[in-house]
N, C-alpha and C. Protein backbone atom coordinates (compact mmCIF):
# COMPACT_ATOMS: atom_id res chain seq x y z
N MET A 1 -0.35 13.32 -3.19
CA MET A 1 -0.47 13.47 -1.77
C MET A 1 -0.19 14.91 -1.33
N LEU A 2 0.77 15.54 -1.97
CA LEU A 2 1.11 16.90 -1.59
C LEU A 2 -0.09 17.83 -1.76
N GLN A 3 -0.84 17.64 -2.83
CA GLN A 3 -2.02 18.47 -3.05
C GLN A 3 -3.04 18.27 -1.91
N HIS A 4 -3.21 17.04 -1.47
CA HIS A 4 -4.12 16.75 -0.36
C HIS A 4 -3.63 17.44 0.91
N LEU A 5 -2.34 17.32 1.21
CA LEU A 5 -1.80 17.93 2.41
C LEU A 5 -1.96 19.45 2.38
N ARG A 6 -1.67 20.05 1.25
CA ARG A 6 -1.80 21.51 1.13
C ARG A 6 -3.25 21.97 1.27
N ALA A 7 -4.18 21.12 0.85
CA ALA A 7 -5.60 21.47 0.94
C ALA A 7 -6.20 21.07 2.29
N GLY A 8 -5.40 20.45 3.17
CA GLY A 8 -5.91 20.04 4.47
C GLY A 8 -6.83 18.83 4.39
N LYS A 9 -6.70 18.07 3.31
CA LYS A 9 -7.54 16.88 3.11
C LYS A 9 -6.74 15.62 3.46
N PRO A 10 -7.43 14.55 3.82
CA PRO A 10 -6.72 13.28 4.07
C PRO A 10 -6.07 12.79 2.78
N THR A 11 -4.92 12.16 2.92
CA THR A 11 -4.24 11.59 1.75
C THR A 11 -4.74 10.20 1.46
N GLU A 12 -4.25 9.64 0.37
CA GLU A 12 -4.62 8.29 -0.02
C GLU A 12 -3.64 7.24 0.55
N ILE A 13 -2.88 7.61 1.58
CA ILE A 13 -1.86 6.72 2.12
C ILE A 13 -2.50 5.41 2.64
N GLY A 14 -3.69 5.50 3.19
CA GLY A 14 -4.33 4.29 3.70
C GLY A 14 -4.60 3.30 2.59
N ALA A 15 -5.13 3.79 1.49
CA ALA A 15 -5.43 2.91 0.35
C ALA A 15 -4.15 2.37 -0.27
N LEU A 16 -3.10 3.15 -0.23
CA LEU A 16 -1.86 2.72 -0.90
C LEU A 16 -0.98 1.81 -0.05
N ASN A 17 -0.85 2.10 1.23
CA ASN A 17 0.13 1.37 2.02
C ASN A 17 -0.38 0.67 3.26
N GLU A 18 -1.46 1.14 3.88
CA GLU A 18 -1.88 0.53 5.12
C GLU A 18 -2.41 -0.89 4.93
N ALA A 19 -3.05 -1.17 3.81
CA ALA A 19 -3.48 -2.53 3.52
C ALA A 19 -2.27 -3.44 3.34
N LEU A 20 -1.24 -2.92 2.71
CA LEU A 20 0.00 -3.67 2.54
C LEU A 20 0.63 -3.97 3.90
N LEU A 21 0.64 -2.97 4.79
CA LEU A 21 1.21 -3.19 6.12
C LEU A 21 0.44 -4.28 6.87
N ALA A 22 -0.87 -4.26 6.76
CA ALA A 22 -1.69 -5.28 7.43
C ALA A 22 -1.40 -6.66 6.88
N ARG A 23 -1.30 -6.76 5.58
CA ARG A 23 -1.03 -8.07 4.94
C ARG A 23 0.37 -8.55 5.31
N ALA A 24 1.32 -7.66 5.29
CA ALA A 24 2.70 -8.02 5.66
C ALA A 24 2.76 -8.50 7.12
N ALA A 25 2.05 -7.83 7.99
CA ALA A 25 2.02 -8.24 9.41
C ALA A 25 1.42 -9.63 9.55
N ALA A 26 0.35 -9.89 8.79
CA ALA A 26 -0.28 -11.22 8.86
C ALA A 26 0.66 -12.31 8.38
N LEU A 27 1.55 -11.97 7.46
CA LEU A 27 2.52 -12.93 6.94
C LEU A 27 3.86 -12.88 7.66
N ARG A 28 3.92 -12.02 8.70
CA ARG A 28 5.15 -11.83 9.48
C ARG A 28 6.32 -11.38 8.61
N LEU A 29 6.03 -10.47 7.71
CA LEU A 29 7.05 -9.89 6.84
C LEU A 29 7.36 -8.48 7.30
N ALA A 30 8.62 -8.13 7.30
CA ALA A 30 9.03 -6.77 7.64
C ALA A 30 8.97 -5.92 6.37
N VAL A 31 8.34 -4.78 6.49
CA VAL A 31 8.28 -3.82 5.36
C VAL A 31 8.63 -2.44 5.94
N PRO A 32 9.88 -2.26 6.33
CA PRO A 32 10.26 -1.03 7.03
C PRO A 32 10.10 0.24 6.19
N PHE A 33 10.35 0.17 4.90
CA PHE A 33 10.20 1.37 4.08
C PHE A 33 8.75 1.80 4.04
N ASN A 34 7.86 0.86 3.79
CA ASN A 34 6.43 1.19 3.74
C ASN A 34 5.93 1.70 5.10
N THR A 35 6.41 1.12 6.16
CA THR A 35 6.05 1.57 7.51
C THR A 35 6.51 3.01 7.71
N ALA A 36 7.73 3.30 7.32
CA ALA A 36 8.26 4.68 7.49
C ALA A 36 7.47 5.67 6.65
N VAL A 37 7.09 5.28 5.43
CA VAL A 37 6.32 6.18 4.58
C VAL A 37 4.96 6.49 5.22
N VAL A 38 4.28 5.48 5.71
CA VAL A 38 2.96 5.69 6.33
C VAL A 38 3.11 6.59 7.55
N LEU A 39 4.10 6.32 8.40
CA LEU A 39 4.29 7.15 9.59
C LEU A 39 4.61 8.59 9.24
N ALA A 40 5.45 8.79 8.23
CA ALA A 40 5.80 10.15 7.82
C ALA A 40 4.61 10.90 7.28
N ILE A 41 3.81 10.26 6.43
CA ILE A 41 2.64 10.94 5.86
C ILE A 41 1.60 11.21 6.92
N ARG A 42 1.37 10.27 7.82
CA ARG A 42 0.41 10.50 8.91
C ARG A 42 0.87 11.67 9.80
N ALA A 43 2.18 11.78 10.04
CA ALA A 43 2.71 12.92 10.82
C ALA A 43 2.46 14.23 10.07
N LEU A 44 2.68 14.24 8.76
CA LEU A 44 2.42 15.44 7.98
C LEU A 44 0.94 15.80 8.00
N GLU A 45 0.07 14.81 7.93
CA GLU A 45 -1.36 15.06 7.99
C GLU A 45 -1.72 15.68 9.34
N ALA A 46 -1.15 15.14 10.41
CA ALA A 46 -1.44 15.67 11.76
C ALA A 46 -0.93 17.10 11.88
N ALA A 47 0.24 17.37 11.35
CA ALA A 47 0.81 18.72 11.43
C ALA A 47 -0.03 19.69 10.60
N ALA A 48 -0.54 19.27 9.46
CA ALA A 48 -1.34 20.12 8.60
C ALA A 48 -2.68 20.45 9.26
N ALA A 49 -3.13 19.61 10.17
CA ALA A 49 -4.41 19.84 10.84
C ALA A 49 -4.27 20.84 11.99
N LEU A 50 -3.05 21.17 12.39
CA LEU A 50 -2.85 22.11 13.49
C LEU A 50 -3.16 23.53 13.01
N PRO A 51 -3.64 24.38 13.91
CA PRO A 51 -3.87 25.76 13.50
C PRO A 51 -2.53 26.46 13.27
N PRO A 52 -2.49 27.45 12.40
CA PRO A 52 -1.24 28.15 12.14
C PRO A 52 -0.72 28.86 13.38
N VAL A 53 0.59 28.97 13.50
CA VAL A 53 1.22 29.65 14.60
C VAL A 53 1.19 31.16 14.31
N PRO A 54 0.72 31.98 15.25
CA PRO A 54 0.69 33.43 15.00
C PRO A 54 2.11 33.97 14.84
N ASP A 55 2.23 35.03 14.05
CA ASP A 55 3.52 35.69 13.88
C ASP A 55 4.01 36.21 15.23
N GLY A 56 5.33 36.19 15.39
CA GLY A 56 5.93 36.73 16.60
C GLY A 56 6.11 35.72 17.72
N LEU A 57 5.74 34.49 17.50
CA LEU A 57 5.94 33.47 18.54
C LEU A 57 7.18 32.67 18.28
């Protein structure tokens, strides 16, 4: 995933965890660790998509 983030490409987090989150929700199971991982990686993806901040700001 780190290589994807550094390259500005989408990660495989959807294939790895989002299907699990959907299945857990359907079964009314709490999966807080997996939820936190997905949210953290999605936040990193969003931050990587931002343009760089110019020097001096």
